[in-house]
Amino acid sequence: MEVPPLAESKVGLKFHTAAQELNLISDEFFAMRNHHSEYLRLLKEIRDQIKEYKNSLNDDQDLEIRYVKEIKKLGQRIEYESIFPPNALDEMENAIRAFDRVQKKEQGSIRIKDMLLFPAGTIVASGPTCAEDGPGRWLPKPSDTFRIFGDLLKPSVGFKMIPLLWYEMMGVNRIVGFILPDWIADILPGKYPVHTSDGNVKPNFKSKVLDFVTGEFEAFKIPVPMGHIWDSFLRVFMGLMLGVIFGVPLGIFMGLNRFAKGFFDPLVELYRPVPPLAWAPLVITVFGIDNLGKVFLLFMVSFSIMIISARAGASGTQLSKIHAAHSLGASKWQILRHVIFPNSLPEILTGLRVAVGMCWGTLVAAEFLAGTTGIGFVENVARKYMQYEVIWITIFVMGMLGLLFDITLRKIIDKTTPWHGKG
C-alpha cells in the first residue's frame, strides 16, 4: 500500500514540475539519440557496404570474416542504443546530480527521519503532486501496518483465502486417519472382502479396521486450530519432537559407549556442517512440497543438535555419582534413569533452545522455496507483490513466535532442572 503524500507546498510543486520536465527531456532524447533519419541512412549504407564486402570473401578468409562479424556487432550495439559517443551524456548526468543535491538539501529534517526509518532515498510522488517531505520511503507507516495486521487476523479476510490463525470444526475421524498408518489393517490376519455376484461387498473385521485407520467413519467434530501461523508452528513442533525422540537416546548412547561414539560421530559430523538450505531442494524433490518434506528438513536440523547436546550431557556425568549409585545397589537402568539422564537434562534443554531458532530460520526458508501455507509463504508472496506492510507483519509474527517458544522452554528448564546453575 502506498503512503499518501503530505500537503502541497511550493518546493514540492517545484520538484514536481522539474520531474515532469526531466521526463519530457528523457522521452525526446530517447526518440532522437539513435533514430535520426540521417543517422539511419548512414547505418544502412554501412550495412550494405559490409554485406557487399562479405559476399566477395572466400570461405578460407577467416580473419576477414571475423572482422566483419565484429563490425556488425558494433553496428547492432549502436542501433540498439547500447553505446554512445564519448562524453555524450556528461551534461545531462551533471544536471541530474545537481538536481539531486538540491533535492536532498530541500528535504531538510525529513532526511534524518529517512535515515532512521530505512528510506528509499528520493522523493517520489504517489499522486499528481508531491510534497518536499513526501512518501519517498518503502517503509510503511506503523498505523497502516497495524491496520493491515488487524485485517489479516480477521478469519473472513486472512491471506490468500486462508486465515492467519483461526479454528475449524474437524471430525475426529480425520484426526484418527491422519495419525494412524494404513498398514495396521494390512498386518491383520485374513483377507479383505470381495464383492459377490450381485455386486455387493460384505464388510468384515479387516475392512472395518481399514475404515477406522483411514478415517472413513462418522464421528463428532471438535475445534482444531488452522491458518498460516498454526501450520508453521505445527511444522516446527513436529520437527523438534522427532529430533528429540530420535536424537536424545542416540546422543546418550554415544556419550556412554565408545563404540557408538566412534561409529555414529563421523556420520553426524558429516552432514551437520551442511547448511539446511543445501538439503532443502533435495528433500522437497523427494518428499514433495507438502508438510512431510518440511517436517523432515526440520528433523534433520534438530536431530544433530539434540545428539550433540545429549552426548555432551551424558559424557559429562561425574564417575563419583555413578560409583555411589552402584554402591547403593542401583541397577544399570536405575543409574541411567536417576543419575545420567538428570545430569544430561540441562544440556538437552539448552540444545532444544538452540534447535528452536535453527528450525524457525530453516522453516521460513523452506516455505520460501515451496509451499502453499505458512509464514514463509506469506512473506514470499508479499515480496513478489511489494506488500511491505505484510512483510513487516511476518517478521513481527516470526519474532513473537520465537520469543514464545523460548519463554516456554525457559519455564520448562526452571521447573525440570531447579538445581542447574545454583552451585
Protein backbone atom coordinates (compact mmCIF):
# COMPACT_ATOMS: atom_id res chain seq x y z
CA MET A 1 0.00 0.00 0.00
CA GLU A 2 1.40 3.38 -0.98
CA VAL A 3 1.83 6.05 1.67
CA PRO A 4 -0.30 9.10 0.75
CA PRO A 5 1.52 12.40 0.10
CA LEU A 6 1.58 15.29 2.50
CA ALA A 7 0.01 18.64 1.77
CA GLU A 8 1.19 20.58 -1.28
CA SER A 9 3.95 23.13 -0.85
CA LYS A 10 5.86 25.49 -3.11
CA VAL A 11 9.05 23.45 -3.01
CA GLY A 12 7.14 20.25 -3.60
CA LEU A 13 5.41 21.74 -6.65
CA LYS A 14 8.79 22.88 -7.97
CA PHE A 15 10.12 19.36 -7.71
CA HIS A 16 7.01 18.01 -9.38
CA THR A 17 7.41 20.44 -12.29
CA ALA A 18 11.11 19.62 -12.60
CA ALA A 19 10.33 15.91 -12.62
CA GLN A 20 7.84 16.40 -15.45
CA GLU A 21 10.40 18.36 -17.47
CA LEU A 22 13.02 15.66 -16.92
CA ASN A 23 10.55 13.06 -18.18
CA LEU A 24 9.97 15.11 -21.34
CA ILE A 25 13.71 15.50 -21.87
CA SER A 26 14.19 11.77 -21.41
CA ASP A 27 11.46 10.96 -23.95
CA GLU A 28 12.88 13.39 -26.50
CA PHE A 29 16.40 12.08 -26.00
CA PHE A 30 15.19 8.51 -26.47
CA ALA A 31 13.40 9.47 -29.69
CA MET A 32 16.29 11.37 -31.28
CA ARG A 33 19.56 9.94 -29.96
CA ASN A 34 19.78 6.95 -32.31
CA HIS A 35 16.76 7.32 -34.59
CA HIS A 36 17.57 10.42 -36.61
CA SER A 37 16.78 9.97 -40.33
CA GLU A 38 20.30 10.92 -41.45
CA TYR A 39 21.78 8.59 -38.88
CA LEU A 40 19.61 5.70 -40.08
CA ARG A 41 20.62 6.40 -43.70
CA LEU A 42 24.30 6.22 -42.81
CA LEU A 43 23.76 2.98 -40.92
CA LYS A 44 22.04 1.48 -43.95
CA GLU A 45 24.93 2.48 -46.24
CA ILE A 46 27.50 0.99 -43.88
CA ARG A 47 25.46 -2.20 -43.59
CA ASP A 48 25.23 -2.51 -47.38
CA GLN A 49 28.97 -1.98 -47.75
CA ILE A 50 29.68 -4.67 -45.16
CA LYS A 51 27.32 -7.08 -46.89
CA GLU A 52 28.94 -6.45 -50.29
CA TYR A 53 32.42 -6.90 -48.87
CA LYS A 54 31.39 -10.13 -47.09
CA ASN A 55 29.95 -11.63 -50.28
CA SER A 56 33.27 -11.06 -52.07
CA LEU A 57 35.21 -13.04 -49.45
CA ASN A 58 36.19 -16.68 -49.76
CA ASP A 59 35.37 -19.30 -47.14
CA ASP A 60 39.02 -19.64 -46.11
CA GLN A 61 39.44 -15.95 -45.25
CA ASP A 62 38.70 -16.48 -41.56
CA LEU A 63 40.38 -13.28 -40.32
CA GLU A 64 38.40 -11.04 -42.66
CA ILE A 65 35.14 -12.82 -41.81
CA ARG A 66 35.84 -12.38 -38.09
CA TYR A 67 36.44 -8.64 -38.60
CA VAL A 68 33.16 -8.35 -40.50
CA LYS A 69 31.32 -10.02 -37.62
CA GLU A 70 32.87 -7.65 -35.07
CA ILE A 71 31.92 -4.61 -37.16
CA LYS A 72 28.35 -5.89 -37.45
CA LYS A 73 28.20 -6.35 -33.67
CA LEU A 74 29.30 -2.75 -33.14
CA GLY A 75 26.65 -1.58 -35.56
CA GLN A 76 23.97 -3.54 -33.73
CA ARG A 77 25.06 -2.14 -30.38
CA ILE A 78 24.84 1.39 -31.75
CA GLU A 79 21.46 0.68 -33.32
CA TYR A 80 20.10 -0.87 -30.11
CA GLU A 81 21.35 2.13 -28.09
CA SER A 82 23.87 0.11 -26.08
CA ILE A 83 26.80 2.50 -26.65
CA PHE A 84 27.11 6.25 -27.14
CA PRO A 85 29.82 8.61 -28.33
CA PRO A 86 32.34 9.62 -25.62
CA ASN A 87 31.07 12.24 -23.14
CA ALA A 88 27.67 12.34 -24.87
CA LEU A 89 25.74 12.15 -21.61
CA ASP A 90 28.05 14.15 -19.34
CA GLU A 91 25.96 17.33 -19.36
CA MET A 92 22.73 15.50 -18.60
CA GLU A 93 24.40 13.44 -15.88
CA ASN A 94 25.82 16.57 -14.23
CA ALA A 95 22.41 18.25 -14.38
CA ILE A 96 20.75 15.27 -12.72
CA ARG A 97 23.40 15.20 -9.98
CA ALA A 98 22.93 18.91 -9.33
CA PHE A 99 19.17 18.40 -9.17
CA ASP A 100 19.65 15.55 -6.69
CA ARG A 101 21.88 17.71 -4.45
CA VAL A 102 19.30 20.49 -4.37
CA GLN A 103 16.58 17.96 -3.69
CA LYS A 104 18.41 16.50 -0.67
CA LYS A 105 19.14 19.98 0.65
CA GLU A 106 15.48 21.00 0.43
CA GLN A 107 14.32 17.87 2.24
CA GLY A 108 15.66 19.29 5.47
CA SER A 109 14.78 17.38 8.60
CA ILE A 110 12.98 14.65 6.70
CA ARG A 111 16.40 13.22 5.76
CA ILE A 112 17.09 12.45 9.43
CA LYS A 113 13.75 10.66 9.64
CA ASP A 114 14.55 8.72 6.50
CA MET A 115 17.94 7.71 7.87
CA LEU A 116 16.27 6.30 10.98
CA LEU A 117 13.38 4.66 9.12
CA PHE A 118 15.29 2.97 6.25
CA PRO A 119 14.45 5.45 3.49
CA ALA A 120 14.07 4.95 -0.22
CA GLY A 121 16.43 7.88 -0.72
CA THR A 122 14.45 10.16 -3.01
CA ILE A 123 11.16 11.97 -3.05
CA VAL A 124 8.64 10.01 -5.06
CA ALA A 125 5.21 11.38 -5.88
CA SER A 126 2.39 8.94 -5.20
CA GLY A 127 -0.18 11.16 -6.83
CA PRO A 128 -0.36 14.12 -9.20
CA THR A 129 1.50 16.34 -6.74
CA CYS A 130 4.45 15.91 -4.41
CA ALA A 131 5.49 17.44 -1.10
CA GLU A 132 9.09 18.12 -0.18
CA ASP A 133 8.94 15.57 2.63
CA GLY A 134 6.52 13.28 0.86
CA PRO A 135 6.30 9.49 0.77
CA GLY A 136 9.76 8.74 -0.53
CA ARG A 137 10.23 5.60 1.53
CA TRP A 138 9.31 1.96 1.24
CA LEU A 139 8.83 1.65 5.00
CA PRO A 140 5.07 1.97 5.63
CA LYS A 141 3.56 3.96 8.41
CA PRO A 142 3.05 1.99 11.64
CA SER A 143 -0.64 2.85 11.62
CA ASP A 144 -1.04 1.27 8.17
CA THR A 145 0.88 -1.83 9.23
CA PHE A 146 -1.21 -2.40 12.36
CA ARG A 147 -4.40 -1.76 10.44
CA ILE A 148 -3.48 -4.35 7.80
CA PHE A 149 -2.41 -6.75 10.55
CA GLY A 150 -5.83 -6.36 12.12
CA ASP A 151 -7.49 -7.06 8.77
CA LEU A 152 -5.37 -10.17 8.18
CA LEU A 153 -6.32 -11.51 11.62
CA LYS A 154 -9.97 -11.49 10.61
CA PRO A 155 -10.91 -15.06 9.63
CA SER A 156 -13.05 -13.75 6.78
CA VAL A 157 -10.03 -11.94 5.25
CA GLY A 158 -6.80 -13.81 6.02
CA PHE A 159 -4.16 -14.12 3.32
CA LYS A 160 -4.87 -15.91 0.05
CA MET A 161 -8.23 -17.10 1.42
CA ILE A 162 -6.57 -18.73 4.47
CA PRO A 163 -6.74 -17.10 7.95
CA LEU A 164 -3.55 -16.29 9.80
CA LEU A 165 -4.82 -18.07 12.91
CA TRP A 166 -8.30 -19.45 13.48
CA TYR A 167 -10.06 -22.75 14.08
CA GLU A 168 -12.29 -25.12 12.17
CA MET A 169 -14.67 -27.84 13.27
CA MET A 170 -12.96 -31.07 12.25
CA GLY A 171 -14.27 -34.58 12.64
CA VAL A 172 -12.37 -36.91 14.94
CA ASN A 173 -12.24 -39.40 12.08
CA ARG A 174 -9.97 -37.06 10.09
CA ILE A 175 -7.60 -36.74 13.05
CA VAL A 176 -7.51 -40.52 13.54
CA GLY A 177 -6.90 -41.05 9.83
CA PHE A 178 -4.01 -38.58 9.91
CA ILE A 179 -2.32 -40.16 12.94
CA LEU A 180 -2.77 -43.90 12.35
CA PRO A 181 -0.92 -45.57 9.44
CA ASP A 182 -2.81 -47.68 6.93
CA TRP A 183 -0.54 -50.70 7.32
CA ILE A 184 -2.15 -51.51 10.67
CA ALA A 185 -5.02 -53.10 8.75
CA ASP A 186 -2.64 -54.84 6.33
CA ILE A 187 -0.80 -56.77 9.05
CA LEU A 188 -4.01 -58.25 10.47
CA PRO A 189 -4.69 -61.89 9.56
CA GLY A 190 -7.27 -62.66 6.94
CA LYS A 191 -8.23 -61.12 3.62
CA TYR A 192 -10.21 -58.10 2.60
CA PRO A 193 -13.78 -58.82 1.47
CA VAL A 194 -14.60 -59.20 -2.21
CA HIS A 195 -17.84 -58.40 -3.94
CA THR A 196 -20.42 -61.08 -4.54
CA SER A 197 -22.13 -61.96 -7.79
CA ASP A 198 -24.75 -59.27 -7.22
CA GLY A 199 -22.05 -56.59 -6.77
CA ASN A 200 -22.39 -56.13 -3.01
CA VAL A 201 -19.46 -56.20 -0.60
CA LYS A 202 -20.00 -57.55 2.88
CA PRO A 203 -17.52 -55.89 5.27
CA ASN A 204 -15.51 -57.98 7.68
CA PHE A 205 -13.28 -57.15 10.64
CA LYS A 206 -10.25 -56.30 8.49
CA SER A 207 -12.18 -53.89 6.27
CA LYS A 208 -13.67 -52.21 9.33
CA VAL A 209 -10.17 -51.70 10.78
CA LEU A 210 -9.08 -50.22 7.45
CA ASP A 211 -12.02 -47.80 7.52
CA PHE A 212 -11.04 -46.81 11.05
CA VAL A 213 -7.34 -46.13 10.38
CA THR A 214 -8.15 -44.21 7.19
CA GLY A 215 -10.83 -42.12 8.90
CA GLU A 216 -13.69 -43.48 6.80
CA PHE A 217 -16.28 -43.39 9.57
CA GLU A 218 -18.69 -40.92 11.11
CA ALA A 219 -17.63 -39.12 14.28
CA PHE A 220 -18.30 -35.95 16.21
CA LYS A 221 -16.42 -32.74 15.46
CA ILE A 222 -14.06 -30.74 17.65
CA PRO A 223 -12.47 -27.30 17.16
CA VAL A 224 -8.97 -27.57 15.66
CA PRO A 225 -6.58 -24.64 15.04
CA MET A 226 -5.81 -23.72 11.45
CA GLY A 227 -4.14 -20.97 9.42
CA HIS A 228 -0.70 -19.84 8.29
CA ILE A 229 0.65 -19.28 11.82
CA TRP A 230 -0.63 -22.63 13.05
CA ASP A 231 0.83 -24.50 10.08
CA SER A 232 4.29 -23.02 10.68
CA PHE A 233 4.04 -23.67 14.43
CA LEU A 234 2.96 -27.28 13.90
CA ARG A 235 5.79 -27.97 11.44
CA VAL A 236 8.40 -26.62 13.85
CA PHE A 237 6.88 -28.52 16.77
CA MET A 238 6.78 -31.83 14.91
CA GLY A 239 10.32 -31.41 13.62
CA LEU A 240 11.57 -30.64 17.12
CA MET A 241 9.74 -33.57 18.70
CA LEU A 242 11.09 -36.00 16.13
CA GLY A 243 14.58 -34.65 16.73
CA VAL A 244 14.17 -35.12 20.49
CA ILE A 245 12.67 -38.62 20.19
CA PHE A 246 15.45 -39.95 17.95
CA GLY A 247 18.34 -37.65 18.82
CA VAL A 248 18.35 -37.75 22.63
CA PRO A 249 18.55 -41.56 23.05
CA LEU A 250 21.23 -41.81 20.38
CA GLY A 251 23.19 -38.95 21.94
CA ILE A 252 23.08 -40.52 25.41
CA PHE A 253 24.12 -43.87 23.93
CA MET A 254 27.06 -42.20 22.18
CA GLY A 255 28.04 -40.49 25.43
CA LEU A 256 28.13 -43.79 27.32
CA ASN A 257 29.53 -46.16 24.69
CA ARG A 258 32.86 -45.61 22.95
CA PHE A 259 31.99 -47.87 20.03
CA ALA A 260 28.73 -46.00 19.39
CA LYS A 261 30.54 -42.68 19.56
CA GLY A 262 33.23 -43.84 17.14
CA PHE A 263 30.65 -45.23 14.71
CA PHE A 264 27.95 -42.53 14.72
CA ASP A 265 30.03 -39.42 15.39
CA PRO A 266 31.65 -39.26 11.90
CA LEU A 267 28.24 -39.75 10.28
CA VAL A 268 26.68 -36.95 12.30
CA GLU A 269 29.60 -34.61 11.72
CA LEU A 270 29.48 -35.40 8.01
CA TYR A 271 26.02 -33.92 7.47
CA ARG A 272 25.80 -31.46 10.38
CA PRO A 273 28.03 -28.71 8.85
CA VAL A 274 25.99 -28.73 5.63
CA PRO A 275 23.58 -25.74 5.67
CA PRO A 276 19.94 -26.81 5.92
CA LEU A 277 19.08 -24.88 2.76
CA ALA A 278 21.51 -27.07 0.83
CA TRP A 279 19.33 -30.06 1.71
CA ALA A 280 16.06 -28.25 1.01
CA PRO A 281 15.87 -28.76 -2.80
CA LEU A 282 16.70 -32.46 -2.46
CA VAL A 283 14.25 -33.02 0.41
CA ILE A 284 11.46 -31.16 -1.37
CA THR A 285 12.14 -33.16 -4.55
CA VAL A 286 11.91 -36.48 -2.69
CA PHE A 287 9.05 -35.74 -0.29
CA GLY A 288 7.17 -33.04 -2.21
CA ILE A 289 6.05 -29.57 -1.15
CA ASP A 290 3.59 -30.74 1.48
CA ASN A 291 4.21 -30.95 5.22
CA LEU A 292 6.23 -34.16 5.08
CA GLY A 293 9.18 -32.59 3.28
CA LYS A 294 9.31 -29.55 5.57
CA VAL A 295 8.99 -31.64 8.75
CA PHE A 296 11.75 -33.97 7.59
CA LEU A 297 14.01 -31.00 6.86
CA LEU A 298 13.37 -29.61 10.36
CA PHE A 299 14.01 -33.06 11.81
CA MET A 300 17.42 -33.10 10.12
CA VAL A 301 18.21 -29.73 11.70
CA SER A 302 17.11 -30.61 15.23
CA PHE A 303 18.41 -34.20 15.11
CA SER A 304 22.10 -33.30 15.01
CA ILE A 305 21.71 -30.58 17.65
CA MET A 306 19.94 -32.91 20.07
CA ILE A 307 22.53 -35.65 19.50
CA ILE A 308 25.41 -33.34 20.36
CA SER A 309 23.71 -31.81 23.41
CA ALA A 310 22.64 -35.21 24.81
CA ARG A 311 26.09 -36.69 24.16
CA ALA A 312 27.76 -33.78 25.95
CA GLY A 313 25.44 -34.13 28.94
CA ALA A 314 25.85 -37.90 29.23
CA SER A 315 29.63 -37.88 28.85
CA GLY A 316 29.89 -35.10 31.43
CA THR A 317 28.35 -37.18 34.20
CA GLN A 318 30.74 -37.48 37.15
CA LEU A 319 32.00 -41.01 37.76
CA SER A 320 31.73 -40.48 41.52
CA LYS A 321 27.94 -40.21 41.18
CA ILE A 322 27.78 -43.43 39.14
CA HIS A 323 30.01 -45.29 41.65
CA ALA A 324 27.90 -44.03 44.53
CA ALA A 325 24.75 -45.32 42.85
CA HIS A 326 26.46 -48.69 42.24
CA SER A 327 27.46 -48.94 45.88
CA LEU A 328 23.84 -48.35 46.88
CA GLY A 329 22.74 -51.30 44.76
CA ALA A 330 21.28 -49.43 41.78
CA SER A 331 20.87 -51.31 38.52
CA LYS A 332 22.11 -50.01 35.15
CA TRP A 333 18.62 -48.84 34.23
CA GLN A 334 18.23 -47.05 37.57
CA ILE A 335 21.61 -45.35 37.11
CA LEU A 336 20.58 -44.24 33.63
CA ARG A 337 17.18 -43.05 34.85
CA HIS A 338 18.17 -41.33 38.10
CA VAL A 339 21.80 -40.29 37.56
CA ILE A 340 22.81 -39.94 33.91
CA PHE A 341 19.57 -38.59 32.46
CA PRO A 342 19.07 -35.85 35.11
CA ASN A 343 22.70 -34.83 34.63
CA SER A 344 22.15 -34.62 30.85
CA LEU A 345 18.83 -32.78 31.06
CA PRO A 346 20.24 -29.21 31.30
CA GLU A 347 22.37 -29.79 28.20
CA ILE A 348 19.42 -31.34 26.36
CA LEU A 349 17.10 -28.43 27.12
CA THR A 350 19.77 -25.91 26.17
CA GLY A 351 20.23 -27.73 22.87
CA LEU A 352 16.46 -27.64 22.40
CA ARG A 353 16.52 -23.84 22.72
CA VAL A 354 19.21 -23.68 20.05
CA ALA A 355 17.26 -26.06 17.82
CA VAL A 356 14.14 -23.87 18.04
CA GLY A 357 15.94 -20.90 16.49
CA MET A 358 17.55 -23.03 13.80
CA CYS A 359 14.24 -24.67 12.92
CA TRP A 360 12.44 -21.34 12.59
CA GLY A 361 15.03 -19.99 10.19
CA THR A 362 15.05 -23.20 8.17
CA LEU A 363 11.26 -23.43 8.04
CA VAL A 364 10.79 -19.93 6.66
CA ALA A 365 13.42 -20.59 4.00
CA ALA A 366 11.77 -23.92 3.10
CA GLU A 367 8.37 -22.23 2.82
CA PHE A 368 10.03 -19.64 0.60
CA LEU A 369 11.15 -22.38 -1.78
CA ALA A 370 7.93 -24.34 -1.90
CA GLY A 371 4.69 -24.14 -0.01
CA THR A 372 1.11 -23.00 -0.06
CA THR A 373 0.71 -22.07 3.61
CA GLY A 374 2.87 -20.78 6.42
CA ILE A 375 4.57 -17.56 7.47
CA GLY A 376 7.36 -18.01 4.92
CA PHE A 377 4.81 -18.48 2.14
CA VAL A 378 3.03 -15.27 3.18
CA GLU A 379 6.29 -13.30 3.16
CA ASN A 380 7.33 -14.73 -0.20
CA VAL A 381 4.05 -13.73 -1.86
CA ALA A 382 4.19 -10.29 -0.22
CA ARG A 383 7.73 -9.84 -1.54
CA LYS A 384 6.64 -10.61 -5.09
CA TYR A 385 3.83 -8.05 -4.96
CA MET A 386 5.85 -5.49 -2.92
CA GLN A 387 3.40 -5.60 0.00
CA TYR A 388 5.87 -4.21 2.51
CA GLU A 389 3.32 -3.93 5.31
CA VAL A 390 2.71 -7.68 5.11
CA ILE A 391 6.47 -8.34 5.13
CA TRP A 392 6.87 -6.37 8.36
CA ILE A 393 3.90 -8.27 9.80
CA THR A 394 5.50 -11.64 9.04
CA ILE A 395 8.79 -10.51 10.62
CA PHE A 396 6.90 -9.43 13.74
CA VAL A 397 4.94 -12.70 13.90
CA MET A 398 8.07 -14.84 13.49
CA GLY A 399 9.84 -12.89 16.22
CA MET A 400 6.89 -13.23 18.60
CA LEU A 401 6.55 -16.97 17.97
CA GLY A 402 10.26 -17.50 18.53
CA LEU A 403 10.06 -15.48 21.75
CA LEU A 404 7.08 -17.53 22.97
CA PHE A 405 8.97 -20.75 22.22
CA ASP A 406 12.00 -19.51 24.16
CA ILE A 407 9.95 -18.30 27.15
CA THR A 408 8.18 -21.67 27.29
CA LEU A 409 11.48 -23.54 27.22
CA ARG A 410 12.87 -21.31 29.96
CA LYS A 411 9.90 -22.15 32.17
CA ILE A 412 10.38 -25.85 31.44
CA ILE A 413 14.08 -25.60 32.31
CA ASP A 414 13.32 -23.85 35.59
CA LYS A 415 10.73 -26.49 36.54
CA THR A 416 12.62 -29.61 35.46
CA THR A 417 16.16 -28.64 36.49
CA PRO A 418 15.84 -26.33 39.50
CA TRP A 419 19.30 -27.35 40.67
CA HIS A 420 21.06 -26.26 37.47
CA GLY A 421 23.25 -23.18 37.79
CA LYS A 422 22.94 -22.94 41.57
CA GLY A 423 26.27 -24.39 42.60
